[in-house]
Amino acid sequence: MTVVKWGRRALMGGMAAAMLTLAAPLAAQSIAGGYRVEGRNPDGSAYRGTVAIGEQGAMVHLSWRVGGQSYDGTGTRNGDIIWIDWGAEYPVVYVRMPNGELHGTWANGRALERLIP
């Protein structure tokens, strides 16, 4: 009976380790690439455009093209949270969603943005 219990524990421990190994790459999945952007300004007006994201380690670079204007920002990534300084008083803060979209806020939470791969 002791052998069975030990075998079960070993099996459960091995399964837990395998699940952690499989989960780790998902959390670190690259966000680099092109996105459509849909957002809402602090005044409530909507905007659309495109965003290109480059990633090197924890460093992230974004280039927005919205309404004929361009904006650039750089920042860091910690798992699924991305902080981007784009020259405004407050950064853009995104959360990577399970479907690959990035949902963010800017203007100290008064504006919203969604990046769609």
PDB file of N, CA and C in Angstrom:
ATOM      1  N   MET A   1       0.820  -1.189   0.000  1.00  0.00           N
ATOM      2  CA  MET A   1       0.000   0.000   0.000  1.00  0.00           C
ATOM      3  C   MET A   1       0.867   1.257   0.000  1.00  0.00           C
ATOM      4  N   THR A   2       1.985   1.239   0.704  1.00  0.00           N
ATOM      5  CA  THR A   2       2.885   2.389   0.739  1.00  0.00           C
ATOM      6  C   THR A   2       3.428   2.673  -0.650  1.00  0.00           C
ATOM      7  N   VAL A   3       3.747   1.648  -1.403  1.00  0.00           N
ATOM      8  CA  VAL A   3       4.262   1.818  -2.760  1.00  0.00           C
ATOM      9  C   VAL A   3       3.217   2.496  -3.637  1.00  0.00           C
ATOM     10  N   VAL A   4       1.964   2.133  -3.495  1.00  0.00           N
ATOM     11  CA  VAL A   4       0.890   2.737  -4.274  1.00  0.00           C
ATOM     12  C   VAL A   4       0.763   4.216  -3.945  1.00  0.00           C
ATOM     13  N   LYS A   5       0.804   4.550  -2.664  1.00  0.00           N
ATOM     14  CA  LYS A   5       0.713   5.957  -2.265  1.00  0.00           C
ATOM     15  C   LYS A   5       1.882   6.745  -2.823  1.00  0.00           C
ATOM     16  N   TRP A   6       3.106   6.186  -2.698  1.00  0.00           N
ATOM     17  CA  TRP A   6       4.267   6.884  -3.219  1.00  0.00           C
ATOM     18  C   TRP A   6       4.142   7.058  -4.733  1.00  0.00           C
ATOM     19  N   GLY A   7       3.658   6.017  -5.407  1.00  0.00           N
ATOM     20  CA  GLY A   7       3.475   6.079  -6.849  1.00  0.00           C
ATOM     21  C   GLY A   7       2.473   7.150  -7.241  1.00  0.00           C
ATOM     22  N   ARG A   8       1.398   7.270  -6.485  1.00  0.00           N
ATOM     23  CA  ARG A   8       0.395   8.297  -6.740  1.00  0.00           C
ATOM     24  C   ARG A   8       0.968   9.694  -6.535  1.00  0.00           C
ATOM     25  N   ARG A   9       1.734   9.852  -5.450  1.00  0.00           N
ATOM     26  CA  ARG A   9       2.363  11.150  -5.183  1.00  0.00           C
ATOM     27  C   ARG A   9       3.341  11.515  -6.290  1.00  0.00           C
ATOM     28  N   ALA A  10       4.131  10.540  -6.709  1.00  0.00           N
ATOM     29  CA  ALA A  10       5.099  10.792  -7.783  1.00  0.00           C
ATOM     30  C   ALA A  10       4.369  11.172  -9.067  1.00  0.00           C
ATOM     31  N   LEU A  11       3.281  10.444  -9.353  1.00  0.00           N
ATOM     32  CA  LEU A  11       2.493  10.739 -10.543  1.00  0.00           C
ATOM     33  C   LEU A  11       1.900  12.146 -10.457  1.00  0.00           C
ATOM     34  N   MET A  12       1.317  12.490  -9.308  1.00  0.00           N
ATOM     35  CA  MET A  12       0.715  13.820  -9.138  1.00  0.00           C
ATOM     36  C   MET A  12       1.776  14.908  -9.213  1.00  0.00           C
ATOM     37  N   GLY A  13       2.925  14.669  -8.584  1.00  0.00           N
ATOM     38  CA  GLY A  13       4.020  15.643  -8.643  1.00  0.00           C
ATOM     39  C   GLY A  13       4.519  15.822 -10.061  1.00  0.00           C
ATOM     40  N   GLY A  14       4.645  14.721 -10.786  1.00  0.00           N
ATOM     41  CA  GLY A  14       5.071  14.792 -12.182  1.00  0.00           C
ATOM     42  C   GLY A  14       4.065  15.531 -13.043  1.00  0.00           C
ATOM     43  N   MET A  15       2.777  15.304 -12.802  1.00  0.00           N
ATOM     44  CA  MET A  15       1.733  16.006 -13.561  1.00  0.00           C
ATOM     45  C   MET A  15       1.767  17.496 -13.252  1.00  0.00           C
ATOM     46  N   ALA A  16       1.956  17.851 -11.990  1.00  0.00           N
ATOM     47  CA  ALA A  16       2.023  19.264 -11.608  1.00  0.00           C
ATOM     48  C   ALA A  16       3.217  19.934 -12.272  1.00  0.00           C
ATOM     49  N   ALA A  17       4.362  19.263 -12.281  1.00  0.00           N
ATOM     50  CA  ALA A  17       5.552  19.815 -12.925  1.00  0.00           C
ATOM     51  C   ALA A  17       5.331  19.988 -14.421  1.00  0.00           C
ATOM     52  N   ALA A  18       4.690  19.017 -15.049  1.00  0.00           N
ATOM     53  CA  ALA A  18       4.412  19.109 -16.483  1.00  0.00           C
ATOM     54  C   ALA A  18       3.471  20.265 -16.786  1.00  0.00           C
ATOM     55  N   MET A  19       2.468  20.460 -15.940  1.00  0.00           N
ATOM     56  CA  MET A  19       1.525  21.565 -16.151  1.00  0.00           C
ATOM     57  C   MET A  19       2.235  22.904 -16.024  1.00  0.00           C
ATOM     58  N   LEU A  20       3.136  23.042 -15.049  1.00  0.00           N
ATOM     59  CA  LEU A  20       3.888  24.285 -14.896  1.00  0.00           C
ATOM     60  C   LEU A  20       4.794  24.514 -16.095  1.00  0.00           C
ATOM     61  N   THR A  21       5.411  23.460 -16.583  1.00  0.00           N
ATOM     62  CA  THR A  21       6.280  23.576 -17.751  1.00  0.00           C
ATOM     63  C   THR A  21       5.482  24.015 -18.971  1.00  0.00           C
ATOM     64  N   LEU A  22       4.299  23.465 -19.148  1.00  0.00           N
ATOM     65  CA  LEU A  22       3.469  23.845 -20.288  1.00  0.00           C
ATOM     66  C   LEU A  22       2.894  25.238 -20.118  1.00  0.00           C
ATOM     67  N   ALA A  23       2.591  25.667 -18.915  1.00  0.00           N
ATOM     68  CA  ALA A  23       1.994  26.979 -18.677  1.00  0.00           C
ATOM     69  C   ALA A  23       3.006  28.101 -18.846  1.00  0.00           C
ATOM     70  N   ALA A  24       4.263  27.870 -18.526  1.00  0.00           N
ATOM     71  CA  ALA A  24       5.279  28.921 -18.582  1.00  0.00           C
ATOM     72  C   ALA A  24       5.395  29.542 -19.971  1.00  0.00           C
ATOM     73  N   PRO A  25       5.476  28.763 -21.081  1.00  0.00           N
ATOM     74  CA  PRO A  25       5.588  29.390 -22.387  1.00  0.00           C
ATOM     75  C   PRO A  25       4.369  30.244 -22.747  1.00  0.00           C
ATOM     76  N   LEU A  26       3.183  29.886 -22.268  1.00  0.00           N
ATOM     77  CA  LEU A  26       2.001  30.674 -22.575  1.00  0.00           C
ATOM     78  C   LEU A  26       2.089  32.060 -21.964  1.00  0.00           C
ATOM     79  N   ALA A  27       2.558  32.163 -20.738  1.00  0.00           N
ATOM     80  CA  ALA A  27       2.669  33.454 -20.071  1.00  0.00           C
ATOM     81  C   ALA A  27       3.716  34.331 -20.741  1.00  0.00           C
ATOM     82  N   ALA A  28       4.744  33.713 -21.310  1.00  0.00           N
ATOM     83  CA  ALA A  28       5.824  34.469 -21.928  1.00  0.00           C
ATOM     84  C   ALA A  28       5.660  34.591 -23.440  1.00  0.00           C
ATOM     85  N   GLN A  29       4.499  34.274 -23.967  1.00  0.00           N
ATOM     86  CA  GLN A  29       4.262  34.313 -25.398  1.00  0.00           C
ATOM     87  C   GLN A  29       4.528  35.714 -25.937  1.00  0.00           C
ATOM     88  N   SER A  30       5.195  35.795 -27.068  1.00  0.00           N
ATOM     89  CA  SER A  30       5.555  37.078 -27.668  1.00  0.00           C
ATOM     90  C   SER A  30       4.318  37.898 -28.037  1.00  0.00           C
ATOM     91  N   ILE A  31       4.438  39.206 -27.875  1.00  0.00           N
ATOM     92  CA  ILE A  31       3.378  40.121 -28.293  1.00  0.00           C
ATOM     93  C   ILE A  31       3.800  40.912 -29.522  1.00  0.00           C
ATOM     94  N   ALA A  32       4.990  40.637 -30.052  1.00  0.00           N
ATOM     95  CA  ALA A  32       5.495  41.366 -31.219  1.00  0.00           C
ATOM     96  C   ALA A  32       4.605  41.125 -32.427  1.00  0.00           C
ATOM     97  N   GLY A  33       4.417  42.187 -33.236  1.00  0.00           N
ATOM     98  CA  GLY A  33       3.644  42.062 -34.461  1.00  0.00           C
ATOM     99  C   GLY A  33       2.761  43.266 -34.705  1.00  0.00           C
ATOM    100  N   GLY A  34       1.869  43.117 -35.669  1.00  0.00           N
ATOM    101  CA  GLY A  34       0.953  44.185 -36.040  1.00  0.00           C
ATOM    102  C   GLY A  34      -0.417  43.998 -35.420  1.00  0.00           C
ATOM    103  N   TYR A  35      -1.054  45.104 -35.042  1.00  0.00           N
ATOM    104  CA  TYR A  35      -2.361  45.079 -34.389  1.00  0.00           C
ATOM    105  C   TYR A  35      -3.254  46.179 -34.968  1.00  0.00           C
ATOM    106  N   ARG A  36      -4.553  45.929 -34.936  1.00  0.00           N
ATOM    107  CA  ARG A  36      -5.534  46.999 -35.137  1.00  0.00           C
ATOM    108  C   ARG A  36      -5.754  47.627 -33.779  1.00  0.00           C
ATOM    109  N   VAL A  37      -5.965  48.924 -33.745  1.00  0.00           N
ATOM    110  CA  VAL A  37      -6.232  49.582 -32.472  1.00  0.00           C
ATOM    111  C   VAL A  37      -7.614  50.221 -32.518  1.00  0.00           C
ATOM    112  N   GLU A  38      -8.366  50.039 -31.456  1.00  0.00           N
ATOM    113  CA  GLU A  38      -9.657  50.697 -31.259  1.00  0.00           C
ATOM    114  C   GLU A  38      -9.598  51.319 -29.880  1.00  0.00           C
ATOM    115  N   GLY A  39      -9.974  52.578 -29.783  1.00  0.00           N
ATOM    116  CA  GLY A  39      -9.880  53.216 -28.483  1.00  0.00           C
ATOM    117  C   GLY A  39     -10.910  54.304 -28.267  1.00  0.00           C
ATOM    118  N   ARG A  40     -10.903  54.790 -27.046  1.00  0.00           N
ATOM    119  CA  ARG A  40     -11.790  55.870 -26.638  1.00  0.00           C
ATOM    120  C   ARG A  40     -10.951  56.887 -25.881  1.00  0.00           C
ATOM    121  N   ASN A  41     -10.949  58.143 -26.376  1.00  0.00           N
ATOM    122  CA  ASN A  41     -10.215  59.238 -25.755  1.00  0.00           C
ATOM    123  C   ASN A  41     -10.855  59.645 -24.427  1.00  0.00           C
ATOM    124  N   PRO A  42     -10.149  60.430 -23.618  1.00  0.00           N
ATOM    125  CA  PRO A  42     -10.730  60.889 -22.352  1.00  0.00           C
ATOM    126  C   PRO A  42     -12.045  61.661 -22.527  1.00  0.00           C
ATOM    127  N   ASP A  43     -12.220  62.318 -23.682  1.00  0.00           N
ATOM    128  CA  ASP A  43     -13.467  63.072 -23.924  1.00  0.00           C
ATOM    129  C   ASP A  43     -14.601  62.185 -24.441  1.00  0.00           C
ATOM    130  N   GLY A  44     -14.330  60.871 -24.609  1.00  0.00           N
ATOM    131  CA  GLY A  44     -15.355  59.935 -25.058  1.00  0.00           C
ATOM    132  C   GLY A  44     -15.355  59.673 -26.552  1.00  0.00           C
ATOM    133  N   SER A  45     -14.602  60.447 -27.329  1.00  0.00           N
ATOM    134  CA  SER A  45     -14.565  60.225 -28.774  1.00  0.00           C
ATOM    135  C   SER A  45     -13.772  58.949 -29.090  1.00  0.00           C
ATOM    136  N   ALA A  46     -14.191  58.272 -30.156  1.00  0.00           N
ATOM    137  CA  ALA A  46     -13.560  57.008 -30.545  1.00  0.00           C
ATOM    138  C   ALA A  46     -12.451  57.253 -31.563  1.00  0.00           C
ATOM    139  N   TYR A  47     -11.510  56.336 -31.610  1.00  0.00           N
ATOM    140  CA  TYR A  47     -10.457  56.388 -32.624  1.00  0.00           C
ATOM    141  C   TYR A  47     -10.096  54.972 -33.044  1.00  0.00           C
ATOM    142  N   ARG A  48      -9.498  54.871 -34.233  1.00  0.00           N
ATOM    143  CA  ARG A  48      -9.026  53.597 -34.785  1.00  0.00           C
ATOM    144  C   ARG A  48      -7.701  53.826 -35.475  1.00  0.00           C
ATOM    145  N   GLY A  49      -6.941  52.767 -35.614  1.00  0.00           N
ATOM    146  CA  GLY A  49      -5.664  52.873 -36.299  1.00  0.00           C
ATOM    147  C   GLY A  49      -4.939  51.549 -36.279  1.00  0.00           C
ATOM    148  N   THR A  50      -3.614  51.629 -36.320  1.00  0.00           N
ATOM    149  CA  THR A  50      -2.771  50.444 -36.298  1.00  0.00           C
ATOM    150  C   THR A  50      -1.634  50.650 -35.297  1.00  0.00           C
ATOM    151  N   VAL A  51      -1.106  49.540 -34.823  1.00  0.00           N
ATOM    152  CA  VAL A  51       0.026  49.565 -33.896  1.00  0.00           C
ATOM    153  C   VAL A  51       0.985  48.453 -34.298  1.00  0.00           C
ATOM    154  N   ALA A  52       2.267  48.785 -34.291  1.00  0.00           N
ATOM    155  CA  ALA A  52       3.312  47.774 -34.480  1.00  0.00           C
ATOM    156  C   ALA A  52       4.055  47.648 -33.161  1.00  0.00           C
ATOM    157  N   ILE A  53       4.252  46.402 -32.726  1.00  0.00           N
ATOM    158  CA  ILE A  53       4.935  46.144 -31.464  1.00  0.00           C
ATOM    159  C   ILE A  53       6.211  45.361 -31.736  1.00  0.00           C
ATOM    160  N   GLY A  54       7.305  45.861 -31.179  1.00  0.00           N
ATOM    161  CA  GLY A  54       8.575  45.144 -31.194  1.00  0.00           C
ATOM    162  C   GLY A  54       8.924  44.767 -29.766  1.00  0.00           C
ATOM    163  N   GLU A  55       9.561  43.629 -29.609  1.00  0.00           N
ATOM    164  CA  GLU A  55       9.854  43.133 -28.270  1.00  0.00           C
ATOM    165  C   GLU A  55      11.252  42.541 -28.242  1.00  0.00           C
ATOM    166  N   GLN A  56      12.015  42.918 -27.232  1.00  0.00           N
ATOM    167  CA  GLN A  56      13.342  42.333 -27.027  1.00  0.00           C
ATOM    168  C   GLN A  56      13.506  42.093 -25.538  1.00  0.00           C
ATOM    169  N   GLY A  57      13.337  40.845 -25.135  1.00  0.00           N
ATOM    170  CA  GLY A  57      13.352  40.523 -23.711  1.00  0.00           C
ATOM    171  C   GLY A  57      12.169  41.175 -23.027  1.00  0.00           C
ATOM    172  N   ALA A  58      12.432  41.876 -21.943  1.00  0.00           N
ATOM    173  CA  ALA A  58      11.371  42.577 -21.210  1.00  0.00           C
ATOM    174  C   ALA A  58      11.088  43.961 -21.786  1.00  0.00           C
ATOM    175  N   MET A  59      11.907  44.420 -22.741  1.00  0.00           N
ATOM    176  CA  MET A  59      11.713  45.744 -23.347  1.00  0.00           C
ATOM    177  C   MET A  59      10.728  45.654 -24.507  1.00  0.00           C
ATOM    178  N   VAL A  60       9.834  46.647 -24.582  1.00  0.00           N
ATOM    179  CA  VAL A  60       8.786  46.666 -25.599  1.00  0.00           C
ATOM    180  C   VAL A  60       8.775  48.044 -26.257  1.00  0.00           C
ATOM    181  N   HIS A  61       8.575  48.070 -27.578  1.00  0.00           N
ATOM    182  CA  HIS A  61       8.458  49.320 -28.327  1.00  0.00           C
ATOM    183  C   HIS A  61       7.143  49.286 -29.111  1.00  0.00           C
ATOM    184  N   LEU A  62       6.358  50.357 -29.009  1.00  0.00           N
ATOM    185  CA  LEU A  62       5.107  50.479 -29.760  1.00  0.00           C
ATOM    186  C   LEU A  62       5.168  51.678 -30.684  1.00  0.00           C
ATOM    187  N   SER A  63       4.628  51.512 -31.881  1.00  0.00           N
ATOM    188  CA  SER A  63       4.451  52.603 -32.844  1.00  0.00           C
ATOM    189  C   SER A  63       2.996  52.623 -33.255  1.00  0.00           C
ATOM    190  N   TRP A  64       2.283  53.690 -32.852  1.00  0.00           N
ATOM    191  CA  TRP A  64       0.873  53.856 -33.192  1.00  0.00           C
ATOM    192  C   TRP A  64       0.749  54.716 -34.433  1.00  0.00           C
ATOM    193  N   ARG A  65      -0.241  54.428 -35.258  1.00  0.00           N
ATOM    194  CA  ARG A  65      -0.626  55.271 -36.395  1.00  0.00           C
ATOM    195  C   ARG A  65      -2.132  55.448 -36.259  1.00  0.00           C
ATOM    196  N   VAL A  66      -2.544  56.644 -35.829  1.00  0.00           N
ATOM    197  CA  VAL A  66      -3.951  56.926 -35.545  1.00  0.00           C
ATOM    198  C   VAL A  66      -4.323  58.276 -36.168  1.00  0.00           C
ATOM    199  N   GLY A  67      -5.355  58.272 -37.003  1.00  0.00           N
ATOM    200  CA  GLY A  67      -5.851  59.517 -37.581  1.00  0.00           C
ATOM    201  C   GLY A  67      -4.804  60.343 -38.291  1.00  0.00           C
ATOM    202  N   GLY A  68      -3.906  59.722 -39.013  1.00  0.00           N
ATOM    203  CA  GLY A  68      -2.880  60.449 -39.742  1.00  0.00           C
ATOM    204  C   GLY A  68      -1.722  60.927 -38.874  1.00  0.00           C
ATOM    205  N   GLN A  69      -1.726  60.587 -37.602  1.00  0.00           N
ATOM    206  CA  GLN A  69      -0.630  60.964 -36.718  1.00  0.00           C
ATOM    207  C   GLN A  69       0.090  59.720 -36.220  1.00  0.00           C
ATOM    208  N   SER A  70       1.357  59.885 -35.877  1.00  0.00           N
ATOM    209  CA  SER A  70       2.165  58.781 -35.364  1.00  0.00           C
ATOM    210  C   SER A  70       2.613  59.080 -33.942  1.00  0.00           C
ATOM    211  N   TYR A  71       2.660  58.026 -33.144  1.00  0.00           N
ATOM    212  CA  TYR A  71       3.119  58.109 -31.763  1.00  0.00           C
ATOM    213  C   TYR A  71       4.038  56.925 -31.506  1.00  0.00           C
ATOM    214  N   ASP A  72       5.067  57.133 -30.704  1.00  0.00           N
ATOM    215  CA  ASP A  72       5.987  56.058 -30.340  1.00  0.00           C
ATOM    216  C   ASP A  72       6.123  55.988 -28.832  1.00  0.00           C
ATOM    217  N   GLY A  73       6.327  54.782 -28.338  1.00  0.00           N
ATOM    218  CA  GLY A  73       6.538  54.601 -26.915  1.00  0.00           C
ATOM    219  C   GLY A  73       7.377  53.376 -26.636  1.00  0.00           C
ATOM    220  N   THR A  74       8.039  53.386 -25.504  1.00  0.00           N
ATOM    221  CA  THR A  74       8.832  52.242 -25.067  1.00  0.00           C
ATOM    222  C   THR A  74       8.482  51.923 -23.622  1.00  0.00           C
ATOM    223  N   GLY A  75       8.689  50.686 -23.266  1.00  0.00           N
ATOM    224  CA  GLY A  75       8.384  50.300 -21.899  1.00  0.00           C
ATOM    225  C   GLY A  75       8.859  48.909 -21.582  1.00  0.00           C
ATOM    226  N   THR A  76       8.229  48.333 -20.584  1.00  0.00           N
ATOM    227  CA  THR A  76       8.628  47.023 -20.102  1.00  0.00           C
ATOM    228  C   THR A  76       7.424  46.100 -19.998  1.00  0.00           C
ATOM    229  N   ARG A  77       7.753  44.841 -19.950  1.00  0.00           N
ATOM    230  CA  ARG A  77       6.726  43.806 -19.821  1.00  0.00           C
ATOM    231  C   ARG A  77       7.085  42.916 -18.656  1.00  0.00           C
ATOM    232  N   ASN A  78       6.087  42.614 -17.851  1.00  0.00           N
ATOM    233  CA  ASN A  78       6.244  41.666 -16.756  1.00  0.00           C
ATOM    234  C   ASN A  78       5.091  40.675 -16.895  1.00  0.00           C
ATOM    235  N   GLY A  79       5.363  39.544 -17.549  1.00  0.00           N
ATOM    236  CA  GLY A  79       4.306  38.563 -17.807  1.00  0.00           C
ATOM    237  C   GLY A  79       3.287  39.133 -18.769  1.00  0.00           C
ATOM    238  N   ASP A  80       2.051  39.230 -18.327  1.00  0.00           N
ATOM    239  CA  ASP A  80       0.980  39.739 -19.190  1.00  0.00           C
ATOM    240  C   ASP A  80       0.687  41.222 -18.973  1.00  0.00           C
ATOM    241  N   ILE A  81       1.509  41.933 -18.207  1.00  0.00           N
ATOM    242  CA  ILE A  81       1.322  43.358 -17.960  1.00  0.00           C
ATOM    243  C   ILE A  81       2.397  44.128 -18.714  1.00  0.00           C
ATOM    244  N   ILE A  82       1.976  45.127 -19.493  1.00  0.00           N
ATOM    245  CA  ILE A  82       2.897  45.931 -20.296  1.00  0.00           C
ATOM    246  C   ILE A  82       2.702  47.403 -19.928  1.00  0.00           C
ATOM    247  N   TRP A  83       3.791  48.094 -19.590  1.00  0.00           N
ATOM    248  CA  TRP A  83       3.774  49.526 -19.265  1.00  0.00           C
ATOM    249  C   TRP A  83       4.523  50.262 -20.357  1.00  0.00           C
ATOM    250  N   ILE A  84       3.883  51.254 -20.993  1.00  0.00           N
ATOM    251  CA  ILE A  84       4.502  51.984 -22.095  1.00  0.00           C
ATOM    252  C   ILE A  84       4.509  53.475 -21.805  1.00  0.00           C
ATOM    253  N   ASP A  85       5.703  54.062 -21.801  1.00  0.00           N
ATOM    254  CA  ASP A  85       5.867  55.510 -21.694  1.00  0.00           C
ATOM    255  C   ASP A  85       5.847  56.062 -23.114  1.00  0.00           C
ATOM    256  N   TRP A  86       4.866  56.889 -23.405  1.00  0.00           N
ATOM    257  CA  TRP A  86       4.746  57.437 -24.757  1.00  0.00           C
ATOM    258  C   TRP A  86       4.856  58.967 -24.750  1.00  0.00           C
ATOM    259  N   GLY A  87       5.418  59.512 -23.679  1.00  0.00           N
ATOM    260  CA  GLY A  87       5.668  60.943 -23.599  1.00  0.00           C
ATOM    261  C   GLY A  87       4.579  61.734 -22.908  1.00  0.00           C
ATOM    262  N   ALA A  88       3.496  61.094 -22.531  1.00  0.00           N
ATOM    263  CA  ALA A  88       2.414  61.773 -21.820  1.00  0.00           C
ATOM    264  C   ALA A  88       2.685  61.700 -20.311  1.00  0.00           C
ATOM    265  N   GLU A  89       1.857  62.384 -19.551  1.00  0.00           N
ATOM    266  CA  GLU A  89       2.031  62.386 -18.095  1.00  0.00           C
ATOM    267  C   GLU A  89       1.906  60.981 -17.503  1.00  0.00           C
ATOM    268  N   TYR A  90       0.986  60.187 -18.045  1.00  0.00           N
ATOM    269  CA  TYR A  90       0.745  58.831 -17.550  1.00  0.00           C
ATOM    270  C   TYR A  90       1.047  57.810 -18.638  1.00  0.00           C
ATOM    271  N   PRO A  91       1.529  56.624 -18.261  1.00  0.00           N
ATOM    272  CA  PRO A  91       1.813  55.589 -19.264  1.00  0.00           C
ATOM    273  C   PRO A  91       0.533  54.920 -19.758  1.00  0.00           C
ATOM    274  N   VAL A  92       0.681  54.173 -20.832  1.00  0.00           N
ATOM    275  CA  VAL A  92      -0.370  53.247 -21.250  1.00  0.00           C
ATOM    276  C   VAL A  92      -0.057  51.934 -20.536  1.00  0.00           C
ATOM    277  N   VAL A  93      -1.067  51.340 -19.939  1.00  0.00           N
ATOM    278  CA  VAL A  93      -0.882  50.061 -19.238  1.00  0.00           C
ATOM    279  C   VAL A  93      -1.815  49.043 -19.892  1.00  0.00           C
ATOM    280  N   TYR A  94      -1.213  47.993 -20.439  1.00  0.00           N
ATOM    281  CA  TYR A  94      -1.970  46.944 -21.111  1.00  0.00           C
ATOM    282  C   TYR A  94      -1.933  45.655 -20.298  1.00  0.00           C
ATOM    283  N   VAL A  95      -2.960  44.853 -20.492  1.00  0.00           N
ATOM    284  CA  VAL A  95      -2.998  43.485 -19.997  1.00  0.00           C
ATOM    285  C   VAL A  95      -3.217  42.591 -21.211  1.00  0.00           C
ATOM    286  N   ARG A  96      -2.373  41.575 -21.350  1.00  0.00           N
ATOM    287  CA  ARG A  96      -2.531  40.616 -22.458  1.00  0.00           C
ATOM    288  C   ARG A  96      -3.638  39.645 -22.080  1.00  0.00           C
ATOM    289  N   MET A  97      -4.640  39.558 -22.934  1.00  0.00           N
ATOM    290  CA  MET A  97      -5.783  38.682 -22.713  1.00  0.00           C
ATOM    291  C   MET A  97      -5.485  37.287 -23.283  1.00  0.00           C
ATOM    292  N   PRO A  98      -6.204  36.254 -22.847  1.00  0.00           N
ATOM    293  CA  PRO A  98      -5.971  34.894 -23.354  1.00  0.00           C
ATOM    294  C   PRO A  98      -6.099  34.771 -24.871  1.00  0.00           C
ATOM    295  N   ASN A  99      -6.919  35.614 -25.500  1.00  0.00           N
ATOM    296  CA  ASN A  99      -7.091  35.543 -26.956  1.00  0.00           C
ATOM    297  C   ASN A  99      -6.014  36.309 -27.718  1.00  0.00           C
ATOM    298  N   GLY A 100      -5.018  36.888 -27.023  1.00  0.00           N
ATOM    299  CA  GLY A 100      -3.933  37.609 -27.673  1.00  0.00           C
ATOM    300  C   GLY A 100      -4.157  39.102 -27.783  1.00  0.00           C
ATOM    301  N   GLU A 101      -5.365  39.579 -27.498  1.00  0.00           N
ATOM    302  CA  GLU A 101      -5.610  41.022 -27.511  1.00  0.00           C
ATOM    303  C   GLU A 101      -4.907  41.671 -26.325  1.00  0.00           C
ATOM    304  N   LEU A 102      -4.590  42.952 -26.483  1.00  0.00           N
ATOM    305  CA  LEU A 102      -4.060  43.741 -25.380  1.00  0.00           C
ATOM    306  C   LEU A 102      -5.111  44.773 -25.021  1.00  0.00           C
ATOM    307  N   HIS A 103      -5.551  44.793 -23.770  1.00  0.00           N
ATOM    308  CA  HIS A 103      -6.531  45.766 -23.298  1.00  0.00           C
ATOM    309  C   HIS A 103      -5.798  46.746 -22.399  1.00  0.00           C
ATOM    310  N   GLY A 104      -5.960  48.042 -22.690  1.00  0.00           N
ATOM    311  CA  GLY A 104      -5.203  49.021 -21.941  1.00  0.00           C
ATOM    312  C   GLY A 104      -5.981  50.251 -21.544  1.00  0.00           C
ATOM    313  N   THR A 105      -5.363  50.991 -20.647  1.00  0.00           N
ATOM    314  CA  THR A 105      -5.881  52.295 -20.239  1.00  0.00           C
ATOM    315  C   THR A 105      -4.755  53.307 -20.351  1.00  0.00           C
ATOM    316  N   TRP A 106      -5.130  54.547 -20.577  1.00  0.00           N
ATOM    317  CA  TRP A 106      -4.162  55.631 -20.596  1.00  0.00           C
ATOM    318  C   TRP A 106      -4.859  56.872 -20.056  1.00  0.00           C
ATOM    319  N   ALA A 107      -4.139  57.978 -19.946  1.00  0.00           N
ATOM    320  CA  ALA A 107      -4.673  59.206 -19.345  1.00  0.00           C
ATOM    321  C   ALA A 107      -5.171  58.931 -17.924  1.00  0.00           C
ATOM    322  N   ASN A 108      -4.358  58.169 -17.173  1.00  0.00           N
ATOM    323  CA  ASN A 108      -4.677  57.833 -15.784  1.00  0.00           C
ATOM    324  C   ASN A 108      -6.020  57.117 -15.654  1.00  0.00           C
ATOM    325  N   GLY A 109      -6.309  56.226 -16.625  1.00  0.00           N
ATOM    326  CA  GLY A 109      -7.528  55.428 -16.578  1.00  0.00           C
ATOM    327  C   GLY A 109      -8.748  56.096 -17.190  1.00  0.00           C
ATOM    328  N   ARG A 110      -8.614  57.310 -17.712  1.00  0.00           N
ATOM    329  CA  ARG A 110      -9.758  58.012 -18.307  1.00  0.00           C
ATOM    330  C   ARG A 110      -9.961  57.656 -19.779  1.00  0.00           C
ATOM    331  N   ALA A 111      -9.036  56.919 -20.365  1.00  0.00           N
ATOM    332  CA  ALA A 111      -9.135  56.519 -21.766  1.00  0.00           C
ATOM    333  C   ALA A 111      -8.842  55.022 -21.870  1.00  0.00           C
ATOM    334  N   LEU A 112      -9.456  54.383 -22.861  1.00  0.00           N
ATOM    335  CA  LEU A 112      -9.331  52.941 -23.048  1.00  0.00           C
ATOM    336  C   LEU A 112      -8.805  52.627 -24.436  1.00  0.00           C
ATOM    337  N   GLU A 113      -8.121  51.487 -24.551  1.00  0.00           N
ATOM    338  CA  GLU A 113      -7.594  51.081 -25.847  1.00  0.00           C
ATOM    339  C   GLU A 113      -7.544  49.561 -25.914  1.00  0.00           C
ATOM    340  N   ARG A 114      -7.839  49.050 -27.097  1.00  0.00           N
ATOM    341  CA  ARG A 114      -7.783  47.607 -27.343  1.00  0.00           C
ATOM    342  C   ARG A 114      -6.961  47.378 -28.586  1.00  0.00           C
ATOM    343  N   LEU A 115      -5.934  46.513 -28.467  1.00  0.00           N
ATOM    344  CA  LEU A 115      -5.112  46.131 -29.604  1.00  0.00           C
ATOM    345  C   LEU A 115      -5.514  44.724 -30.017  1.00  0.00           C
ATOM    346  N   ILE A 116      -5.866  44.583 -31.282  1.00  0.00           N
ATOM    347  CA  ILE A 116      -6.381  43.330 -31.812  1.00  0.00           C
ATOM    348  C   ILE A 116      -5.401  42.761 -32.831  1.00  0.00           C
ATOM    349  N   PRO A 117      -4.867  41.549 -32.566  1.00  0.00           N
ATOM    350  CA  PRO A 117      -3.882  40.979 -33.513  1.00  0.00           C
ATOM    351  C   PRO A 117      -4.475  40.712 -34.883  1.00  0.00           C
TER     352      PRO A 117
END
